[in-house]
């Protein structure tokens, strides 16, 4: 599956660092229910948690569309917006 296969109104869990501060998304995870989490270097700061649509997230950072093909349970990271996504293996 690729990110653009998902509905544009799919909920994305993120933080205000990505939305308000426009910091680079450097981590993406896809859980078993296809829920997505996208975070900046600040990580999952629950005090600044937000939920936005996939469409909104792609408008903020279109480089997310370059995420490689994924399956449920996958996670990816990169150093910044210009870097390639790398699958995290356990």
PDB file of N, CA and C in Angstrom:
ATOM      1  N   UNK A   1       0.845  -1.164   0.000  1.00  0.00           N
ATOM      2  CA  UNK A   1       0.000   0.000   0.000  1.00  0.00           C
ATOM      3  C   UNK A   1       0.903   1.242   0.000  1.00  0.00           C
ATOM      4  N   UNK A   2       0.445   2.287  -0.650  1.00  0.00           N
ATOM      5  CA  UNK A   2       1.160   3.559  -0.601  1.00  0.00           C
ATOM      6  C   UNK A   2       0.261   4.602   0.065  1.00  0.00           C
ATOM      7  N   UNK A   3       0.865   5.666   0.523  1.00  0.00           N
ATOM      8  CA  UNK A   3       0.150   6.661   1.330  1.00  0.00           C
ATOM      9  C   UNK A   3      -1.043   7.251   0.585  1.00  0.00           C
ATOM     10  N   UNK A   4      -0.918   7.434  -0.721  1.00  0.00           N
ATOM     11  CA  UNK A   4      -2.014   8.039  -1.480  1.00  0.00           C
ATOM     12  C   UNK A   4      -3.152   7.057  -1.745  1.00  0.00           C
ATOM     13  N   UNK A   5      -2.978   5.781  -1.370  1.00  0.00           N
ATOM     14  CA  UNK A   5      -4.083   4.817  -1.444  1.00  0.00           C
ATOM     15  C   UNK A   5      -5.110   5.068  -0.341  1.00  0.00           C
ATOM     16  N   UNK A   6      -4.710   5.749   0.703  1.00  0.00           N
ATOM     17  CA  UNK A   6      -5.588   6.003   1.840  1.00  0.00           C
ATOM     18  C   UNK A   6      -6.552   7.152   1.534  1.00  0.00           C
ATOM     19  N   UNK A   7      -7.677   7.162   2.192  1.00  0.00           N
ATOM     20  CA  UNK A   7      -8.663   8.238   2.035  1.00  0.00           C
ATOM     21  C   UNK A   7      -8.040   9.568   2.437  1.00  0.00           C
ATOM     22  N   UNK A   8      -8.356  10.620   1.731  1.00  0.00           N
ATOM     23  CA  UNK A   8      -7.781  11.936   2.034  1.00  0.00           C
ATOM     24  C   UNK A   8      -8.218  12.457   3.396  1.00  0.00           C
ATOM     25  N   UNK A   9      -9.353  11.961   3.907  1.00  0.00           N
ATOM     26  CA  UNK A   9      -9.823  12.406   5.226  1.00  0.00           C
ATOM     27  C   UNK A   9      -9.348  11.478   6.349  1.00  0.00           C
ATOM     28  N   UNK A  10      -8.417  10.569   6.039  1.00  0.00           N
ATOM     29  CA  UNK A  10      -7.839   9.672   7.047  1.00  0.00           C
ATOM     30  C   UNK A  10      -7.220  10.500   8.165  1.00  0.00           C
ATOM     31  N   UNK A  11      -7.500  10.143   9.405  1.00  0.00           N
ATOM     32  CA  UNK A  11      -6.951  10.867  10.555  1.00  0.00           C
ATOM     33  C   UNK A  11      -5.476  10.550  10.746  1.00  0.00           C
ATOM     34  N   UNK A  12      -4.709  11.598  11.012  1.00  0.00           N
ATOM     35  CA  UNK A  12      -3.286  11.480  11.280  1.00  0.00           C
ATOM     36  C   UNK A  12      -3.030  12.046  12.669  1.00  0.00           C
ATOM     37  N   UNK A  13      -2.358  11.276  13.508  1.00  0.00           N
ATOM     38  CA  UNK A  13      -1.975  11.741  14.831  1.00  0.00           C
ATOM     39  C   UNK A  13      -0.619  12.415  14.713  1.00  0.00           C
ATOM     40  N   UNK A  14      -0.529  13.645  15.163  1.00  0.00           N
ATOM     41  CA  UNK A  14       0.703  14.408  15.048  1.00  0.00           C
ATOM     42  C   UNK A  14       0.780  15.408  16.199  1.00  0.00           C
ATOM     43  N   UNK A  15       1.607  16.422  16.062  1.00  0.00           N
ATOM     44  CA  UNK A  15       1.720  17.455  17.098  1.00  0.00           C
ATOM     45  C   UNK A  15       1.704  18.840  16.463  1.00  0.00           C
ATOM     46  N   UNK A  16       1.589  19.829  17.301  1.00  0.00           N
ATOM     47  CA  UNK A  16       1.595  21.213  16.829  1.00  0.00           C
ATOM     48  C   UNK A  16       2.949  21.602  16.238  1.00  0.00           C
ATOM     49  N   UNK A  17       4.004  20.861  16.565  1.00  0.00           N
ATOM     50  CA  UNK A  17       5.314  21.153  15.977  1.00  0.00           C
ATOM     51  C   UNK A  17       5.253  20.995  14.452  1.00  0.00           C
ATOM     52  N   UNK A  18       4.529  19.983  13.998  1.00  0.00           N
ATOM     53  CA  UNK A  18       4.381  19.755  12.558  1.00  0.00           C
ATOM     54  C   UNK A  18       3.378  20.724  11.942  1.00  0.00           C
ATOM     55  N   UNK A  19       2.269  20.948  12.624  1.00  0.00           N
ATOM     56  CA  UNK A  19       1.183  21.739  12.043  1.00  0.00           C
ATOM     57  C   UNK A  19       1.427  23.238  12.179  1.00  0.00           C
ATOM     58  N   UNK A  20       1.661  23.706  13.379  1.00  0.00           N
ATOM     59  CA  UNK A  20       1.802  25.147  13.609  1.00  0.00           C
ATOM     60  C   UNK A  20       3.213  25.662  13.341  1.00  0.00           C
ATOM     61  N   UNK A  21       4.219  24.875  13.740  1.00  0.00           N
ATOM     62  CA  UNK A  21       5.604  25.318  13.589  1.00  0.00           C
ATOM     63  C   UNK A  21       6.208  24.894  12.254  1.00  0.00           C
ATOM     64  N   UNK A  22       5.501  24.021  11.517  1.00  0.00           N
ATOM     65  CA  UNK A  22       5.945  23.551  10.192  1.00  0.00           C
ATOM     66  C   UNK A  22       7.322  22.877  10.221  1.00  0.00           C
ATOM     67  N   UNK A  23       7.603  22.185  11.325  1.00  0.00           N
ATOM     68  CA  UNK A  23       8.861  21.439  11.408  1.00  0.00           C
ATOM     69  C   UNK A  23       8.755  20.174  10.561  1.00  0.00           C
ATOM     70  N   UNK A  24       9.892  19.679  10.102  1.00  0.00           N
ATOM     71  CA  UNK A  24       9.923  18.507   9.224  1.00  0.00           C
ATOM     72  C   UNK A  24       9.383  17.260   9.917  1.00  0.00           C
ATOM     73  N   UNK A  25       8.560  16.517   9.190  1.00  0.00           N
ATOM     74  CA  UNK A  25       8.105  15.208   9.644  1.00  0.00           C
ATOM     75  C   UNK A  25       9.269  14.244   9.421  1.00  0.00           C
ATOM     76  N   UNK A  26       9.730  13.588  10.477  1.00  0.00           N
ATOM     77  CA  UNK A  26      10.870  12.685  10.364  1.00  0.00           C
ATOM     78  C   UNK A  26      10.546  11.252  10.795  1.00  0.00           C
ATOM     79  N   UNK A  27       9.312  11.023  11.236  1.00  0.00           N
ATOM     80  CA  UNK A  27       8.916   9.690  11.700  1.00  0.00           C
ATOM     81  C   UNK A  27       7.465   9.437  11.319  1.00  0.00           C
ATOM     82  N   UNK A  28       7.208   8.281  10.738  1.00  0.00           N
ATOM     83  CA  UNK A  28       5.845   7.862  10.398  1.00  0.00           C
ATOM     84  C   UNK A  28       5.676   6.416  10.818  1.00  0.00           C
ATOM     85  N   UNK A  29       4.569   6.124  11.499  1.00  0.00           N
ATOM     86  CA  UNK A  29       4.260   4.734  11.820  1.00  0.00           C
ATOM     87  C   UNK A  29       2.829   4.431  11.415  1.00  0.00           C
ATOM     88  N   UNK A  30       2.613   3.176  11.046  1.00  0.00           N
ATOM     89  CA  UNK A  30       1.312   2.699  10.615  1.00  0.00           C
ATOM     90  C   UNK A  30       0.978   1.506  11.499  1.00  0.00           C
ATOM     91  N   UNK A  31      -0.075   1.621  12.302  1.00  0.00           N
ATOM     92  CA  UNK A  31      -0.377   0.505  13.208  1.00  0.00           C
ATOM     93  C   UNK A  31      -1.257  -0.541  12.525  1.00  0.00           C
ATOM     94  N   UNK A  32      -1.652  -1.534  13.272  1.00  0.00           N
ATOM     95  CA  UNK A  32      -2.421  -2.655  12.733  1.00  0.00           C
ATOM     96  C   UNK A  32      -3.814  -2.249  12.239  1.00  0.00           C
ATOM     97  N   UNK A  33      -4.322  -1.110  12.683  1.00  0.00           N
ATOM     98  CA  UNK A  33      -5.630  -0.602  12.233  1.00  0.00           C
ATOM     99  C   UNK A  33      -5.480   0.442  11.131  1.00  0.00           C
ATOM    100  N   UNK A  34      -4.273   0.572  10.601  1.00  0.00           N
ATOM    101  CA  UNK A  34      -3.923   1.588   9.596  1.00  0.00           C
ATOM    102  C   UNK A  34      -4.043   3.009  10.131  1.00  0.00           C
ATOM    103  N   UNK A  35      -3.918   3.158  11.459  1.00  0.00           N
ATOM    104  CA  UNK A  35      -3.830   4.499  12.035  1.00  0.00           C
ATOM    105  C   UNK A  35      -2.397   4.974  11.833  1.00  0.00           C
ATOM    106  N   UNK A  36      -2.253   6.234  11.441  1.00  0.00           N
ATOM    107  CA  UNK A  36      -0.935   6.797  11.166  1.00  0.00           C
ATOM    108  C   UNK A  36      -0.544   7.817  12.206  1.00  0.00           C
ATOM    109  N   UNK A  37       0.725   7.791  12.565  1.00  0.00           N
ATOM    110  CA  UNK A  37       1.316   8.784  13.443  1.00  0.00           C
ATOM    111  C   UNK A  37       2.476   9.403  12.692  1.00  0.00           C
ATOM    112  N   UNK A  38       2.534  10.729  12.697  1.00  0.00           N
ATOM    113  CA  UNK A  38       3.602  11.444  12.005  1.00  0.00           C
ATOM    114  C   UNK A  38       4.153  12.497  12.945  1.00  0.00           C
ATOM    115  N   UNK A  39       5.471  12.386  13.219  1.00  0.00           N
ATOM    116  CA  UNK A  39       6.072  13.269  14.206  1.00  0.00           C
ATOM    117  C   UNK A  39       7.344  13.944  13.692  1.00  0.00           C
ATOM    118  N   UNK A  40       7.662  15.045  14.315  1.00  0.00           N
ATOM    119  CA  UNK A  40       8.901  15.780  14.084  1.00  0.00           C
ATOM    120  C   UNK A  40       9.956  15.237  15.043  1.00  0.00           C
ATOM    121  N   UNK A  41      11.124  15.865  15.071  1.00  0.00           N
ATOM    122  CA  UNK A  41      12.174  15.453  16.006  1.00  0.00           C
ATOM    123  C   UNK A  41      11.720  15.510  17.461  1.00  0.00           C
ATOM    124  N   UNK A  42      10.725  16.324  17.757  1.00  0.00           N
ATOM    125  CA  UNK A  42      10.240  16.449  19.142  1.00  0.00           C
ATOM    126  C   UNK A  42       9.486  15.212  19.595  1.00  0.00           C
ATOM    127  N   UNK A  43       9.083  14.352  18.670  1.00  0.00           N
ATOM    128  CA  UNK A  43       8.420  13.098  19.014  1.00  0.00           C
ATOM    129  C   UNK A  43       6.968  13.260  19.407  1.00  0.00           C
ATOM    130  N   UNK A  44       6.466  12.276  20.125  1.00  0.00           N
ATOM    131  CA  UNK A  44       5.051  12.200  20.504  1.00  0.00           C
ATOM    132  C   UNK A  44       4.806  12.976  21.795  1.00  0.00           C
ATOM    133  N   UNK A  45       4.849  14.264  21.704  1.00  0.00           N
ATOM    134  CA  UNK A  45       4.613  15.152  22.841  1.00  0.00           C
ATOM    135  C   UNK A  45       3.103  15.302  23.042  1.00  0.00           C
ATOM    136  N   UNK A  46       2.557  14.581  24.005  1.00  0.00           N
ATOM    137  CA  UNK A  46       1.105  14.531  24.178  1.00  0.00           C
ATOM    138  C   UNK A  46       0.493  15.874  24.575  1.00  0.00           C
ATOM    139  N   UNK A  47       1.264  16.759  25.155  1.00  0.00           N
ATOM    140  CA  UNK A  47       0.752  18.088  25.495  1.00  0.00           C
ATOM    141  C   UNK A  47       0.485  18.911  24.240  1.00  0.00           C
ATOM    142  N   UNK A  48       1.119  18.548  23.144  1.00  0.00           N
ATOM    143  CA  UNK A  48       0.957  19.265  21.880  1.00  0.00           C
ATOM    144  C   UNK A  48       0.325  18.390  20.801  1.00  0.00           C
ATOM    145  N   UNK A  49      -0.373  17.339  21.214  1.00  0.00           N
ATOM    146  CA  UNK A  49      -0.971  16.399  20.265  1.00  0.00           C
ATOM    147  C   UNK A  49      -2.088  17.052  19.453  1.00  0.00           C
ATOM    148  N   UNK A  50      -2.198  16.621  18.209  1.00  0.00           N
ATOM    149  CA  UNK A  50      -3.238  17.098  17.301  1.00  0.00           C
ATOM    150  C   UNK A  50      -3.659  15.942  16.400  1.00  0.00           C
ATOM    151  N   UNK A  51      -4.859  16.043  15.862  1.00  0.00           N
ATOM    152  CA  UNK A  51      -5.333  15.106  14.853  1.00  0.00           C
ATOM    153  C   UNK A  51      -5.735  15.936  13.639  1.00  0.00           C
ATOM    154  N   UNK A  52      -5.182  15.586  12.486  1.00  0.00           N
ATOM    155  CA  UNK A  52      -5.489  16.283  11.238  1.00  0.00           C
ATOM    156  C   UNK A  52      -5.750  15.231  10.168  1.00  0.00           C
ATOM    157  N   UNK A  53      -6.248  15.666   9.029  1.00  0.00           N
ATOM    158  CA  UNK A  53      -6.499  14.738   7.930  1.00  0.00           C
ATOM    159  C   UNK A  53      -5.220  14.501   7.131  1.00  0.00           C
ATOM    160  N   UNK A  54      -5.193  13.400   6.416  1.00  0.00           N
ATOM    161  CA  UNK A  54      -4.072  13.116   5.536  1.00  0.00           C
ATOM    162  C   UNK A  54      -3.930  14.233   4.500  1.00  0.00           C
ATOM    163  N   UNK A  55      -5.032  14.715   3.994  1.00  0.00           N
ATOM    164  CA  UNK A  55      -4.998  15.809   3.017  1.00  0.00           C
ATOM    165  C   UNK A  55      -4.285  17.034   3.594  1.00  0.00           C
ATOM    166  N   UNK A  56      -4.639  17.400   4.822  1.00  0.00           N
ATOM    167  CA  UNK A  56      -3.995  18.547   5.474  1.00  0.00           C
ATOM    168  C   UNK A  56      -2.500  18.303   5.657  1.00  0.00           C
ATOM    169  N   UNK A  57      -2.153  17.100   6.071  1.00  0.00           N
ATOM    170  CA  UNK A  57      -0.748  16.789   6.308  1.00  0.00           C
ATOM    171  C   UNK A  57       0.053  16.851   5.012  1.00  0.00           C
ATOM    172  N   UNK A  58      -0.510  16.343   3.919  1.00  0.00           N
ATOM    173  CA  UNK A  58       0.179  16.391   2.635  1.00  0.00           C
ATOM    174  C   UNK A  58       0.324  17.819   2.124  1.00  0.00           C
ATOM    175  N   UNK A  59      -0.623  18.694   2.460  1.00  0.00           N
ATOM    176  CA  UNK A  59      -0.505  20.103   2.077  1.00  0.00           C
ATOM    177  C   UNK A  59       0.613  20.785   2.860  1.00  0.00           C
ATOM    178  N   UNK A  60       0.808  20.364   4.101  1.00  0.00           N
ATOM    179  CA  UNK A  60       1.868  20.929   4.932  1.00  0.00           C
ATOM    180  C   UNK A  60       3.231  20.395   4.505  1.00  0.00           C
ATOM    181  N   UNK A  61       3.300  19.092   4.207  1.00  0.00           N
ATOM    182  CA  UNK A  61       4.568  18.468   3.834  1.00  0.00           C
ATOM    183  C   UNK A  61       4.316  17.410   2.759  1.00  0.00           C
ATOM    184  N   UNK A  62       4.353  17.829   1.508  1.00  0.00           N
ATOM    185  CA  UNK A  62       4.070  16.919   0.397  1.00  0.00           C
ATOM    186  C   UNK A  62       5.121  15.821   0.255  1.00  0.00           C
ATOM    187  N   UNK A  63       6.284  15.981   0.864  1.00  0.00           N
ATOM    188  CA  UNK A  63       7.315  14.939   0.758  1.00  0.00           C
ATOM    189  C   UNK A  63       6.884  13.647   1.457  1.00  0.00           C
ATOM    190  N   UNK A  64       5.842  13.710   2.257  1.00  0.00           N
ATOM    191  CA  UNK A  64       5.299  12.497   2.880  1.00  0.00           C
ATOM    192  C   UNK A  64       4.787  11.544   1.795  1.00  0.00           C
ATOM    193  N   UNK A  65       4.383  12.098   0.662  1.00  0.00           N
ATOM    194  CA  UNK A  65       3.888  11.257  -0.430  1.00  0.00           C
ATOM    195  C   UNK A  65       4.989  10.350  -0.985  1.00  0.00           C
ATOM    196  N   UNK A  66       6.248  10.608  -0.657  1.00  0.00           N
ATOM    197  CA  UNK A  66       7.370   9.782  -1.105  1.00  0.00           C
ATOM    198  C   UNK A  66       7.631   8.601  -0.177  1.00  0.00           C
ATOM    199  N   UNK A  67       6.788   8.441   0.836  1.00  0.00           N
ATOM    200  CA  UNK A  67       6.912   7.304   1.745  1.00  0.00           C
ATOM    201  C   UNK A  67       6.852   6.011   0.926  1.00  0.00           C
ATOM    202  N   UNK A  68       7.766   5.069   1.166  1.00  0.00           N
ATOM    203  CA  UNK A  68       7.742   3.806   0.402  1.00  0.00           C
ATOM    204  C   UNK A  68       6.473   3.005   0.672  1.00  0.00           C
ATOM    205  N   UNK A  69       6.283   1.992  -0.137  1.00  0.00           N
ATOM    206  CA  UNK A  69       5.166   1.095   0.081  1.00  0.00           C
ATOM    207  C   UNK A  69       5.243   0.540   1.497  1.00  0.00           C
ATOM    208  N   UNK A  70       4.086   0.389   2.140  1.00  0.00           N
ATOM    209  CA  UNK A  70       4.088  -0.061   3.526  1.00  0.00           C
ATOM    210  C   UNK A  70       2.998  -1.079   3.793  1.00  0.00           C
ATOM    211  N   UNK A  71       3.141  -1.741   4.922  1.00  0.00           N
ATOM    212  CA  UNK A  71       2.151  -2.682   5.428  1.00  0.00           C
ATOM    213  C   UNK A  71       1.797  -2.267   6.843  1.00  0.00           C
ATOM    214  N   UNK A  72       0.734  -2.837   7.353  1.00  0.00           N
ATOM    215  CA  UNK A  72       0.359  -2.581   8.741  1.00  0.00           C
ATOM    216  C   UNK A  72       1.531  -2.919   9.645  1.00  0.00           C
ATOM    217  N   UNK A  73       1.793  -2.053  10.611  1.00  0.00           N
ATOM    218  CA  UNK A  73       2.874  -2.291  11.563  1.00  0.00           C
ATOM    219  C   UNK A  73       4.218  -1.702  11.172  1.00  0.00           C
ATOM    220  N   UNK A  74       4.323  -1.137   9.978  1.00  0.00           N
ATOM    221  CA  UNK A  74       5.592  -0.553   9.528  1.00  0.00           C
ATOM    222  C   UNK A  74       5.832   0.815  10.148  1.00  0.00           C
ATOM    223  N   UNK A  75       7.107   1.191  10.188  1.00  0.00           N
ATOM    224  CA  UNK A  75       7.502   2.524  10.641  1.00  0.00           C
ATOM    225  C   UNK A  75       8.691   2.977   9.797  1.00  0.00           C
ATOM    226  N   UNK A  76       8.774   4.295   9.584  1.00  0.00           N
ATOM    227  CA  UNK A  76       9.818   4.872   8.747  1.00  0.00           C
ATOM    228  C   UNK A  76      10.385   6.108   9.434  1.00  0.00           C
ATOM    229  N   UNK A  77      11.641   6.403   9.114  1.00  0.00           N
ATOM    230  CA  UNK A  77      12.256   7.620   9.634  1.00  0.00           C
ATOM    231  C   UNK A  77      13.144   8.235   8.560  1.00  0.00           C
ATOM    232  N   UNK A  78      13.511   9.481   8.780  1.00  0.00           N
ATOM    233  CA  UNK A  78      14.446  10.202   7.919  1.00  0.00           C
ATOM    234  C   UNK A  78      15.038  11.329   8.748  1.00  0.00           C
ATOM    235  N   UNK A  79      16.075  11.949   8.245  1.00  0.00           N
ATOM    236  CA  UNK A  79      16.741  13.000   9.021  1.00  0.00           C
ATOM    237  C   UNK A  79      16.079  14.357   8.839  1.00  0.00           C
ATOM    238  N   UNK A  80      15.519  14.607   7.656  1.00  0.00           N
ATOM    239  CA  UNK A  80      14.826  15.865   7.388  1.00  0.00           C
ATOM    240  C   UNK A  80      13.958  15.700   6.141  1.00  0.00           C
ATOM    241  N   UNK A  81      13.270  16.754   5.761  1.00  0.00           N
ATOM    242  CA  UNK A  81      12.314  16.713   4.655  1.00  0.00           C
ATOM    243  C   UNK A  81      12.946  16.310   3.323  1.00  0.00           C
ATOM    244  N   UNK A  82      14.215  16.586   3.138  1.00  0.00           N
ATOM    245  CA  UNK A  82      14.887  16.294   1.871  1.00  0.00           C
ATOM    246  C   UNK A  82      15.485  14.884   1.815  1.00  0.00           C
ATOM    247  N   UNK A  83      15.542  14.226   2.947  1.00  0.00           N
ATOM    248  CA  UNK A  83      16.152  12.889   3.011  1.00  0.00           C
ATOM    249  C   UNK A  83      15.154  11.807   2.610  1.00  0.00           C
ATOM    250  N   UNK A  84      15.682  10.662   2.196  1.00  0.00           N
ATOM    251  CA  UNK A  84      14.844   9.522   1.834  1.00  0.00           C
ATOM    252  C   UNK A  84      14.311   8.848   3.100  1.00  0.00           C
ATOM    253  N   UNK A  85      13.111   8.279   2.984  1.00  0.00           N
ATOM    254  CA  UNK A  85      12.525   7.523   4.081  1.00  0.00           C
ATOM    255  C   UNK A  85      13.255   6.179   4.191  1.00  0.00           C
ATOM    256  N   UNK A  86      13.514   5.748   5.423  1.00  0.00           N
ATOM    257  CA  UNK A  86      14.149   4.459   5.688  1.00  0.00           C
ATOM    258  C   UNK A  86      13.229   3.678   6.619  1.00  0.00           C
ATOM    259  N   UNK A  87      12.947   2.437   6.227  1.00  0.00           N
ATOM    260  CA  UNK A  87      12.100   1.588   7.062  1.00  0.00           C
ATOM    261  C   UNK A  87      12.859   1.195   8.314  1.00  0.00           C
ATOM    262  N   UNK A  88      12.198   1.309   9.447  1.00  0.00           N
ATOM    263  CA  UNK A  88      12.786   0.921  10.724  1.00  0.00           C
ATOM    264  C   UNK A  88      12.529  -0.566  10.918  1.00  0.00           C
ATOM    265  N   UNK A  89      13.590  -1.315  11.157  1.00  0.00           N
ATOM    266  CA  UNK A  89      13.445  -2.743  11.390  1.00  0.00           C
ATOM    267  C   UNK A  89      13.814  -3.045  12.831  1.00  0.00           C
ATOM    268  N   UNK A  90      13.095  -3.971  13.393  1.00  0.00           N
ATOM    269  CA  UNK A  90      13.344  -4.332  14.799  1.00  0.00           C
ATOM    270  C   UNK A  90      14.225  -5.522  14.919  1.00  0.00           C
TER     271      UNK A  90
END
